[in-house]
N, C-alpha and C. Protein backbone atom coordinates (compact mmCIF):
# COMPACT_ATOMS: atom_id res chain seq x y z
N MET A 1 -35.72 -32.03 -17.74
CA MET A 1 -35.99 -32.95 -18.42
C MET A 1 -34.62 -33.15 -18.44
N ILE A 2 -34.02 -34.11 -17.11
CA ILE A 2 -32.26 -34.05 -17.10
C ILE A 2 -31.79 -36.03 -17.85
N ASN A 3 -30.84 -36.28 -17.88
CA ASN A 3 -30.19 -37.71 -18.88
C ASN A 3 -29.31 -37.97 -17.59
N PHE A 4 -29.91 -38.75 -16.36
CA PHE A 4 -28.79 -40.12 -15.11
C PHE A 4 -29.02 -41.19 -15.16
N HIS A 5 -27.71 -41.53 -15.24
CA HIS A 5 -27.40 -42.85 -15.41
C HIS A 5 -28.04 -43.80 -17.05
N ASP A 6 -27.99 -42.41 -17.45
CA ASP A 6 -28.24 -43.60 -18.71
C ASP A 6 -29.85 -43.59 -18.67
N GLN A 7 -30.35 -43.06 -17.62
CA GLN A 7 -32.07 -42.49 -18.46
C GLN A 7 -32.77 -41.47 -17.85
N VAL A 8 -33.57 -41.18 -18.30
CA VAL A 8 -34.20 -39.74 -18.52
C VAL A 8 -36.01 -39.52 -17.41
N TYR A 9 -35.53 -38.18 -16.86
CA TYR A 9 -36.13 -37.80 -15.61
C TYR A 9 -36.90 -36.79 -16.16
N ALA A 10 -38.12 -36.82 -16.16
CA ALA A 10 -39.03 -35.94 -16.50
C ALA A 10 -39.61 -35.27 -15.14
N PHE A 11 -39.63 -33.92 -15.02
CA PHE A 11 -40.04 -33.17 -13.98
C PHE A 11 -41.79 -32.44 -14.09
N PRO A 12 -42.68 -33.52 -14.30
CA PRO A 12 -43.60 -31.91 -14.49
C PRO A 12 -43.95 -31.09 -13.14
N GLU A 13 -44.96 -30.75 -13.68
CA GLU A 13 -45.30 -29.45 -12.90
C GLU A 13 -45.91 -29.50 -10.94
N THR A 14 -45.73 -31.14 -10.85
CA THR A 14 -46.38 -32.01 -9.63
C THR A 14 -45.30 -32.25 -8.30
N SER A 15 -44.99 -32.65 -7.96
CA SER A 15 -43.84 -32.93 -7.15
C SER A 15 -44.14 -34.79 -7.71
N SER A 16 -44.41 -35.04 -8.25
CA SER A 16 -43.40 -36.71 -8.47
C SER A 16 -42.90 -36.47 -10.18
N ALA A 17 -42.29 -37.32 -10.74
CA ALA A 17 -41.42 -37.60 -11.38
C ALA A 17 -41.53 -38.60 -12.30
N GLU A 18 -40.36 -37.99 -13.47
CA GLU A 18 -41.46 -39.46 -14.10
C GLU A 18 -40.03 -40.53 -14.59
N ARG A 19 -39.72 -41.43 -14.63
CA ARG A 19 -38.40 -42.10 -15.59
C ARG A 19 -38.08 -42.61 -16.58
N TYR A 20 -37.49 -42.89 -17.47
CA TYR A 20 -37.75 -43.22 -19.05
C TYR A 20 -36.42 -44.55 -18.97
N ASP A 21 -36.62 -45.79 -18.67
CA ASP A 21 -35.89 -46.70 -18.66
C ASP A 21 -35.52 -46.70 -20.41
N PRO A 22 -34.62 -46.59 -20.83
CA PRO A 22 -34.34 -47.38 -21.91
C PRO A 22 -33.93 -48.96 -22.32
N VAL A 23 -33.69 -49.84 -21.49
CA VAL A 23 -33.33 -50.87 -21.96
C VAL A 23 -34.97 -51.66 -21.48
N CYS A 24 -35.92 -51.52 -20.82
CA CYS A 24 -37.28 -51.79 -20.96
C CYS A 24 -38.12 -50.85 -21.26
N ASN A 25 -38.09 -49.93 -22.03
CA ASN A 25 -39.16 -49.23 -23.02
C ASN A 25 -39.88 -48.22 -22.62
N GLY A 26 -39.76 -48.12 -20.45
CA GLY A 26 -41.12 -48.37 -20.39
C GLY A 26 -41.04 -46.18 -19.58
N TRP A 27 -41.44 -45.78 -18.90
CA TRP A 27 -41.91 -45.13 -18.05
C TRP A 27 -42.46 -45.83 -17.05
N SER A 28 -42.00 -44.84 -15.66
CA SER A 28 -42.24 -45.32 -14.69
C SER A 28 -42.65 -44.18 -13.07
N LYS A 29 -43.13 -44.05 -12.56
CA LYS A 29 -43.66 -42.91 -11.59
C LYS A 29 -42.95 -42.75 -10.57
N TYR A 30 -42.20 -41.81 -10.12
CA TYR A 30 -40.98 -41.57 -8.74
C TYR A 30 -42.82 -40.22 -8.23
N ALA A 31 -42.84 -40.74 -7.12
CA ALA A 31 -43.45 -39.61 -5.95
C ALA A 31 -42.26 -38.72 -5.46
N ASN A 32 -41.13 -38.93 -4.42
CA ASN A 32 -39.98 -38.39 -3.81
C ASN A 32 -39.21 -38.22 -5.12
N LEU A 33 -39.85 -38.27 -5.82
CA LEU A 33 -37.71 -37.94 -6.34
C LEU A 33 -37.92 -36.19 -6.81
N CYS A 34 -38.84 -35.31 -6.77
CA CYS A 34 -38.98 -34.08 -7.35
C CYS A 34 -39.52 -33.10 -6.72
N PRO A 35 -38.92 -31.84 -5.52
CA PRO A 35 -39.25 -31.20 -4.38
C PRO A 35 -40.25 -30.11 -5.54
N ASN A 36 -41.36 -30.06 -5.21
CA ASN A 36 -42.31 -29.22 -5.99
C ASN A 36 -42.04 -27.89 -6.20
N SER A 37 -42.34 -27.92 -7.60
CA SER A 37 -41.78 -26.46 -7.84
C SER A 37 -39.88 -25.95 -8.41
N ALA A 38 -39.40 -27.14 -8.33
CA ALA A 38 -37.59 -27.34 -8.30
C ALA A 38 -37.84 -27.57 -9.87
N MET A 39 -36.39 -26.46 -10.42
CA MET A 39 -35.74 -26.88 -11.24
C MET A 39 -34.63 -27.95 -10.98
N VAL A 40 -34.54 -29.15 -11.60
CA VAL A 40 -34.19 -30.01 -11.98
C VAL A 40 -32.63 -29.80 -12.23
N THR A 41 -31.36 -30.41 -12.55
CA THR A 41 -30.65 -30.30 -13.29
C THR A 41 -29.02 -31.84 -12.42
N VAL A 42 -28.37 -31.84 -13.26
CA VAL A 42 -27.37 -32.64 -12.88
C VAL A 42 -26.39 -31.77 -13.20
N VAL A 43 -25.23 -32.34 -12.16
CA VAL A 43 -23.56 -31.25 -11.58
C VAL A 43 -23.01 -32.67 -11.69
N ARG A 44 -22.26 -32.49 -12.63
CA ARG A 44 -21.21 -33.86 -11.97
C ARG A 44 -21.13 -35.33 -11.53
N GLY A 45 -22.64 -35.28 -11.66
CA GLY A 45 -23.23 -37.08 -11.39
C GLY A 45 -23.85 -36.88 -10.44
N GLN A 46 -24.37 -35.45 -10.17
CA GLN A 46 -25.13 -35.48 -9.38
C GLN A 46 -26.29 -34.74 -9.25
N ILE A 47 -27.49 -35.41 -9.09
CA ILE A 47 -28.94 -34.16 -9.05
C ILE A 47 -29.05 -33.43 -8.37
N TYR A 48 -28.93 -32.07 -8.43
CA TYR A 48 -29.68 -31.10 -8.05
C TYR A 48 -31.15 -30.77 -8.37
N ALA A 49 -31.26 -29.67 -7.42
CA ALA A 49 -32.87 -29.09 -7.80
C ALA A 49 -32.48 -27.72 -7.10
N ILE A 50 -33.01 -26.72 -7.55
CA ILE A 50 -32.74 -24.85 -7.18
C ILE A 50 -34.35 -24.54 -6.66
N LYS A 51 -34.91 -23.81 -5.67
CA LYS A 51 -36.04 -23.55 -5.96
C LYS A 51 -36.32 -22.25 -6.00
N PHE A 52 -37.09 -21.46 -6.28
CA PHE A 52 -37.35 -20.07 -5.92
C PHE A 52 -38.86 -20.18 -5.58
N ASN A 53 -37.81 -19.09 -3.98
CA ASN A 53 -39.35 -18.68 -3.14
C ASN A 53 -39.91 -17.26 -3.00
N THR A 54 -39.83 -16.79 -4.26
CA THR A 54 -40.17 -15.31 -3.76
C THR A 54 -41.21 -14.77 -2.91
N SER A 55 -41.83 -15.23 -1.94
CA SER A 55 -42.01 -14.76 -1.07
C SER A 55 -41.42 -14.62 0.58
N THR A 56 -40.37 -15.84 0.67
CA THR A 56 -39.41 -15.36 1.72
C THR A 56 -38.45 -14.90 0.45
N LYS A 57 -38.59 -14.64 -0.74
CA LYS A 57 -36.62 -14.21 -1.71
C LYS A 57 -35.50 -14.78 -1.17
N LYS A 58 -35.75 -16.03 -1.40
CA LYS A 58 -34.53 -16.86 -0.70
C LYS A 58 -34.27 -18.32 -1.53
N SER A 59 -33.38 -18.63 -2.18
CA SER A 59 -33.47 -19.32 -3.27
C SER A 59 -32.94 -20.77 -2.59
N THR A 60 -33.27 -21.80 -2.83
CA THR A 60 -32.93 -23.08 -2.13
C THR A 60 -32.30 -24.51 -2.63
N ILE A 61 -31.09 -24.57 -2.70
CA ILE A 61 -30.33 -25.59 -3.15
C ILE A 61 -30.45 -26.63 -2.55
N SER A 62 -30.68 -27.93 -3.22
CA SER A 62 -30.95 -29.17 -2.78
C SER A 62 -30.19 -30.31 -3.80
N ARG A 63 -29.18 -31.86 -3.05
CA ARG A 63 -28.41 -32.58 -3.89
C ARG A 63 -29.25 -33.62 -2.92
N TYR A 64 -29.88 -34.42 -4.53
CA TYR A 64 -30.68 -35.64 -4.19
C TYR A 64 -29.82 -36.90 -3.91
N ASN A 65 -29.96 -37.95 -2.60
CA ASN A 65 -28.73 -39.19 -1.73
C ASN A 65 -29.97 -39.63 -2.39
N VAL A 66 -29.06 -40.27 -3.79
CA VAL A 66 -29.51 -41.97 -4.43
C VAL A 66 -29.92 -42.69 -3.05
N GLU A 67 -28.87 -43.41 -2.40
CA GLU A 67 -28.58 -44.16 -1.46
C GLU A 67 -29.81 -44.31 -0.23
N LEU A 68 -30.57 -42.77 0.04
CA LEU A 68 -31.50 -42.86 1.25
C LEU A 68 -33.26 -42.38 0.21
N CYS A 69 -32.55 -41.90 -1.22
CA CYS A 69 -34.13 -41.78 -1.71
C CYS A 69 -34.45 -40.70 -1.22
N SER A 70 -33.74 -39.12 -0.73
CA SER A 70 -34.44 -38.33 -0.01
C SER A 70 -33.15 -37.15 -0.54
N TRP A 71 -34.18 -35.96 -0.05
CA TRP A 71 -33.13 -34.69 -0.87
C TRP A 71 -32.80 -33.79 0.62
N GLU A 72 -31.50 -33.56 0.15
CA GLU A 72 -30.69 -32.40 1.60
C GLU A 72 -30.28 -31.20 0.48
N THR A 73 -30.36 -30.74 2.27
CA THR A 73 -30.19 -28.82 1.73
C THR A 73 -29.02 -28.55 1.75
N VAL A 74 -28.43 -28.39 0.32
CA VAL A 74 -26.75 -27.97 0.50
C VAL A 74 -26.79 -26.12 0.89
N LEU A 75 -27.78 -25.51 0.39
CA LEU A 75 -27.90 -24.12 0.43
C LEU A 75 -29.04 -22.95 0.45
N SER A 76 -29.52 -22.29 1.22
CA SER A 76 -30.48 -21.79 1.14
C SER A 76 -30.01 -19.95 1.80
N SER A 77 -30.60 -19.19 0.95
CA SER A 77 -29.84 -17.52 0.49
C SER A 77 -30.53 -17.12 -0.30
N HIS A 78 -30.62 -15.86 -0.62
CA HIS A 78 -31.40 -14.89 -0.63
C HIS A 78 -30.03 -15.15 -2.02
N GLN A 79 -29.11 -15.25 -2.80
CA GLN A 79 -28.80 -15.10 -4.23
C GLN A 79 -29.63 -16.29 -5.17
N GLY A 80 -29.62 -15.82 -6.48
CA GLY A 80 -29.79 -16.61 -7.09
C GLY A 80 -31.52 -16.54 -7.28
N CYS A 81 -32.29 -16.11 -6.27
CA CYS A 81 -33.31 -15.67 -6.39
C CYS A 81 -34.41 -14.94 -7.04
N ARG A 82 -34.51 -15.70 -8.34
CA ARG A 82 -34.94 -15.21 -9.52
C ARG A 82 -36.46 -16.48 -9.85
N LYS A 83 -37.35 -15.90 -9.91
CA LYS A 83 -38.59 -16.90 -11.18
C LYS A 83 -38.21 -16.59 -12.65
N GLU A 84 -38.53 -17.32 -13.36
CA GLU A 84 -38.51 -17.56 -15.16
C GLU A 84 -36.89 -17.51 -15.35
N SER A 85 -35.93 -17.64 -14.44
CA SER A 85 -34.70 -17.54 -14.81
C SER A 85 -34.17 -19.31 -15.42
N CYS A 86 -32.95 -19.12 -16.20
CA CYS A 86 -32.49 -20.16 -16.91
C CYS A 86 -31.82 -20.61 -15.95
N VAL A 87 -31.54 -22.22 -16.01
CA VAL A 87 -30.57 -23.07 -15.37
C VAL A 87 -30.00 -23.17 -16.25
N VAL A 88 -27.99 -23.38 -16.11
CA VAL A 88 -27.70 -23.92 -17.12
C VAL A 88 -26.34 -24.26 -15.94
N THR A 89 -26.21 -26.20 -16.20
CA THR A 89 -25.32 -26.21 -15.39
C THR A 89 -23.67 -27.14 -15.84
N ALA A 90 -22.38 -26.62 -16.00
CA ALA A 90 -21.31 -26.55 -17.02
C ALA A 90 -20.13 -26.41 -15.33
N GLY A 91 -19.31 -27.50 -15.37
CA GLY A 91 -18.07 -28.10 -14.36
C GLY A 91 -19.12 -28.66 -13.27
N ASN A 92 -18.82 -27.86 -12.15
CA ASN A 92 -18.71 -27.63 -10.87
C ASN A 92 -19.77 -26.66 -10.28
N HIS A 93 -20.37 -25.84 -11.45
CA HIS A 93 -21.33 -24.82 -11.30
C HIS A 93 -22.63 -25.21 -11.47
N LEU A 94 -24.17 -24.51 -10.72
CA LEU A 94 -24.85 -24.05 -11.83
C LEU A 94 -25.01 -22.57 -11.33
N TYR A 95 -25.87 -22.58 -12.72
CA TYR A 95 -25.47 -20.58 -13.21
C TYR A 95 -27.22 -20.68 -13.07
N VAL A 96 -27.54 -19.59 -12.90
CA VAL A 96 -29.01 -18.69 -12.75
C VAL A 96 -28.73 -17.75 -13.75
N ILE A 97 -29.50 -17.76 -14.71
CA ILE A 97 -29.11 -16.32 -15.71
C ILE A 97 -30.85 -15.64 -15.99
N GLY A 98 -31.28 -14.55 -15.90
CA GLY A 98 -31.74 -13.85 -15.65
C GLY A 98 -32.93 -14.33 -15.41
N GLY A 99 -34.74 -13.66 -15.66
CA GLY A 99 -35.71 -14.35 -14.60
C GLY A 99 -36.21 -12.70 -14.05
N LYS A 100 -36.61 -12.99 -12.97
CA LYS A 100 -37.95 -11.67 -12.02
C LYS A 100 -37.21 -11.89 -10.57
N PRO A 101 -37.18 -10.99 -10.37
CA PRO A 101 -36.28 -11.06 -8.67
C PRO A 101 -37.79 -10.57 -8.25
N PRO A 102 -38.13 -11.11 -6.95
CA PRO A 102 -38.92 -11.17 -5.92
C PRO A 102 -40.07 -9.01 -5.87
N GLN A 103 -40.78 -9.50 -6.07
CA GLN A 103 -41.48 -8.46 -5.97
C GLN A 103 -40.54 -6.97 -7.29
N ALA A 104 -40.74 -7.73 -7.90
CA ALA A 104 -40.29 -6.76 -9.21
C ALA A 104 -41.12 -6.99 -10.71
N SER A 105 -41.19 -5.97 -11.38
CA SER A 105 -42.39 -6.02 -12.61
C SER A 105 -41.56 -5.77 -13.56
N GLU A 106 -40.27 -5.99 -13.67
CA GLU A 106 -38.83 -5.88 -14.97
C GLU A 106 -38.35 -7.62 -14.72
N TYR A 107 -37.91 -8.30 -15.61
CA TYR A 107 -36.81 -8.92 -15.93
C TYR A 107 -35.33 -8.68 -15.93
N VAL A 108 -34.49 -9.41 -15.90
CA VAL A 108 -33.30 -8.52 -15.70
C VAL A 108 -32.08 -9.61 -16.56
N ALA A 109 -30.93 -9.10 -16.38
CA ALA A 109 -29.81 -9.27 -17.55
C ALA A 109 -29.08 -10.31 -16.43
N LYS A 110 -28.76 -10.01 -15.63
CA LYS A 110 -27.90 -10.30 -13.99
C LYS A 110 -27.56 -11.99 -14.72
N ALA A 111 -26.91 -12.38 -14.23
CA ALA A 111 -26.33 -13.98 -14.17
C ALA A 111 -25.37 -14.53 -13.21
N GLU A 112 -25.30 -15.01 -12.62
CA GLU A 112 -24.47 -16.01 -11.26
C GLU A 112 -24.80 -16.85 -11.29
N ARG A 113 -23.36 -17.46 -10.60
CA ARG A 113 -23.62 -19.13 -10.04
C ARG A 113 -23.03 -20.03 -9.38
N PHE A 114 -23.94 -20.62 -8.49
CA PHE A 114 -23.29 -21.24 -7.37
C PHE A 114 -22.54 -22.87 -7.44
N ASP A 115 -21.05 -22.89 -6.81
CA ASP A 115 -20.10 -23.44 -7.06
C ASP A 115 -21.26 -24.69 -5.94
N THR A 116 -21.06 -26.06 -6.95
CA THR A 116 -20.98 -27.57 -5.83
C THR A 116 -20.27 -27.35 -5.04
N VAL A 117 -18.66 -27.03 -5.17
CA VAL A 117 -18.03 -27.73 -4.69
C VAL A 117 -17.60 -26.68 -3.05
N GLU A 118 -17.79 -25.42 -4.01
CA GLU A 118 -17.00 -24.73 -2.35
C GLU A 118 -18.77 -24.40 -1.65
N LYS A 119 -19.69 -24.97 -2.16
CA LYS A 119 -20.78 -24.27 -1.81
C LYS A 119 -21.27 -22.93 -1.42
N LYS A 120 -21.20 -22.32 -2.43
CA LYS A 120 -21.26 -20.51 -1.98
C LYS A 120 -21.36 -20.10 -3.54
N TRP A 121 -22.36 -19.04 -3.65
CA TRP A 121 -22.37 -17.59 -4.73
C TRP A 121 -21.46 -17.26 -5.30
N GLU A 122 -21.05 -17.44 -6.79
CA GLU A 122 -20.11 -16.06 -6.71
C GLU A 122 -20.85 -15.21 -8.10
N GLU A 123 -20.76 -13.68 -7.80
CA GLU A 123 -21.17 -12.63 -9.61
C GLU A 123 -20.15 -13.53 -10.52
N ILE A 124 -21.63 -13.49 -11.26
CA ILE A 124 -20.28 -13.17 -12.71
C ILE A 124 -21.31 -12.31 -13.60
N ALA A 125 -20.10 -11.94 -14.94
CA ALA A 125 -21.24 -10.76 -16.17
C ALA A 125 -22.82 -11.50 -16.47
N ASP A 126 -23.34 -9.69 -16.18
CA ASP A 126 -24.33 -9.80 -16.68
C ASP A 126 -24.48 -10.23 -18.08
N MET A 127 -25.57 -10.46 -18.64
CA MET A 127 -25.90 -10.53 -19.90
C MET A 127 -26.50 -9.80 -20.60
N GLN A 128 -26.06 -8.90 -22.02
CA GLN A 128 -26.32 -7.49 -22.60
C GLN A 128 -27.79 -7.85 -21.89
N GLN A 129 -29.02 -8.33 -22.34
CA GLN A 129 -30.44 -7.97 -22.91
C GLN A 129 -30.87 -9.12 -21.01
N ALA A 130 -31.91 -8.08 -20.89
CA ALA A 130 -32.72 -9.24 -19.85
C ALA A 130 -33.62 -10.39 -20.25
N ARG A 131 -33.68 -10.96 -19.56
CA ARG A 131 -34.23 -12.71 -19.85
C ARG A 131 -35.23 -13.70 -19.09
N CYS A 132 -36.21 -13.32 -19.39
CA CYS A 132 -37.27 -14.57 -18.72
C CYS A 132 -37.62 -16.37 -19.18
N CYS A 133 -37.23 -16.63 -18.54
CA CYS A 133 -38.47 -18.33 -19.30
C CYS A 133 -37.57 -18.79 -20.15
N ALA A 134 -35.70 -18.36 -20.40
CA ALA A 134 -34.78 -19.00 -21.69
C ALA A 134 -34.16 -19.89 -21.47
N CYS A 135 -34.07 -20.78 -22.73
CA CYS A 135 -32.80 -22.17 -22.73
C CYS A 135 -31.70 -21.20 -22.63
N GLY A 136 -31.00 -22.23 -22.39
CA GLY A 136 -29.48 -22.14 -22.26
C GLY A 136 -28.88 -23.97 -22.41
N VAL A 137 -27.17 -23.99 -22.38
CA VAL A 137 -26.67 -24.79 -22.22
C VAL A 137 -25.09 -24.83 -22.49
N ALA A 138 -25.04 -25.31 -21.86
CA ALA A 138 -22.73 -25.10 -22.06
C ALA A 138 -21.96 -26.29 -22.34
N THR A 139 -21.21 -26.11 -23.50
CA THR A 139 -20.81 -26.50 -24.15
C THR A 139 -19.18 -25.60 -24.66
N GLN A 140 -18.36 -26.40 -24.71
CA GLN A 140 -16.50 -25.86 -24.78
C GLN A 140 -16.31 -24.85 -23.84
N GLY A 141 -16.66 -24.28 -22.74
CA GLY A 141 -16.52 -23.83 -21.90
C GLY A 141 -17.15 -22.53 -22.40
N LYS A 142 -18.39 -22.30 -22.61
CA LYS A 142 -19.36 -21.37 -23.12
C LYS A 142 -21.05 -21.59 -22.77
N ILE A 143 -21.64 -20.48 -22.22
CA ILE A 143 -22.89 -20.94 -22.07
C ILE A 143 -23.51 -20.50 -23.03
N PHE A 144 -24.81 -21.13 -23.78
CA PHE A 144 -25.95 -20.08 -24.80
C PHE A 144 -26.91 -19.69 -23.70
N VAL A 145 -27.63 -19.26 -24.27
CA VAL A 145 -28.67 -18.87 -24.00
C VAL A 145 -29.26 -17.92 -25.14
N ALA A 146 -30.97 -18.74 -25.05
CA ALA A 146 -31.63 -18.08 -26.57
C ALA A 146 -32.84 -18.04 -25.50
N GLY A 147 -33.81 -16.89 -26.59
CA GLY A 147 -35.04 -17.04 -26.16
C GLY A 147 -35.46 -15.62 -24.98
N SER A 148 -37.07 -15.63 -24.93
CA SER A 148 -37.53 -14.83 -24.59
C SER A 148 -36.85 -13.10 -23.66
N ASN A 149 -36.81 -12.23 -24.16
CA ASN A 149 -35.79 -11.50 -23.95
C ASN A 149 -36.92 -10.33 -23.47
N LYS A 150 -36.85 -10.12 -22.25
CA LYS A 150 -37.94 -9.10 -21.47
C LYS A 150 -39.62 -10.15 -21.60
N THR A 151 -39.75 -9.80 -23.27
CA THR A 151 -41.50 -9.28 -23.07
C THR A 151 -42.30 -10.88 -22.41
N CYS A 152 -41.16 -12.32 -22.20
CA CYS A 152 -41.02 -13.49 -22.27
C CYS A 152 -42.24 -14.69 -23.34
N GLU A 153 -41.99 -13.59 -24.41
CA GLU A 153 -42.67 -14.53 -25.03
C GLU A 153 -41.73 -15.39 -25.76
N MET A 154 -41.49 -16.19 -26.57
CA MET A 154 -40.51 -18.05 -26.48
C MET A 154 -40.19 -17.84 -28.55
N ASN A 155 -39.59 -17.08 -28.85
CA ASN A 155 -38.87 -17.26 -30.18
C ASN A 155 -37.47 -17.50 -29.69
N LEU A 156 -37.21 -18.68 -29.40
CA LEU A 156 -36.57 -18.83 -28.86
C LEU A 156 -35.02 -18.32 -30.66
N LEU A 157 -35.15 -18.97 -31.65
CA LEU A 157 -33.67 -18.14 -32.35
C LEU A 157 -33.61 -16.45 -32.90
N SER A 158 -34.40 -15.89 -32.27
CA SER A 158 -34.55 -14.92 -32.86
C SER A 158 -33.62 -13.83 -31.92
N SER A 159 -33.65 -14.12 -30.66
CA SER A 159 -32.53 -13.32 -29.65
C SER A 159 -31.64 -14.32 -28.69
N LYS A 160 -30.49 -14.90 -29.33
CA LYS A 160 -29.04 -15.55 -28.31
C LYS A 160 -28.47 -14.43 -28.08
N GLU A 161 -27.08 -14.78 -27.36
CA GLU A 161 -25.91 -15.03 -26.38
C GLU A 161 -25.23 -15.80 -26.06
N VAL A 162 -24.23 -15.49 -26.31
CA VAL A 162 -23.28 -16.08 -25.35
C VAL A 162 -22.48 -15.90 -24.58
N LEU A 163 -22.25 -16.56 -22.86
CA LEU A 163 -21.79 -15.69 -21.86
C LEU A 163 -20.04 -16.38 -21.77
N LYS A 164 -19.18 -16.17 -21.59
CA LYS A 164 -17.39 -16.98 -21.59
C LYS A 164 -16.90 -16.71 -20.23
C-alpha cells in the first residue's frame, strides 16, 4: 500500500490496483495502475515500481506517468534482482534489502539502493543478517528493517536492525 496525493492505493497480487478516496469514503479499481507482481512505492511524490524477473536475472524500475496514465521504464539491469526482498524509500533513493538472488537457495544480507535522480544503482553496507520478506521504514536518516531472518518466518518483533 502507498499514500499518494492524500489517497491510499492498494496493490493486490493481480495487475489491478485499488484506490481509497477519503473525501468520497470509497474504493475504486484501476486496471492499468500496477505492473503485475511489482513492488510499488513513492519517491519524492512520484510512483515507482520495481519488478524482479528471476528468469532473466533482471530488475526493472518503472515510474508512473500520471498525465499519460502509463508506466515508463527507468532502468532494467541485473542489480537489485532479488525476490522476497524488502523495498524502502528515503530521499531520492529506492532501497532493496535482503531477499533471494536468482537460482540461489539461501537468503542474503545484501543491501543496495537506486538513485532515482542519477538513475543508477549504488552498493551500500550489507545488513548483519540475511532476510527475506522483511518490513522496513525510513525515518530520521536511518532505515529500520524487521523480521524474517533466513527462515522466512514472519516474526516481526524478534529480529530487527538499523541501517545508517
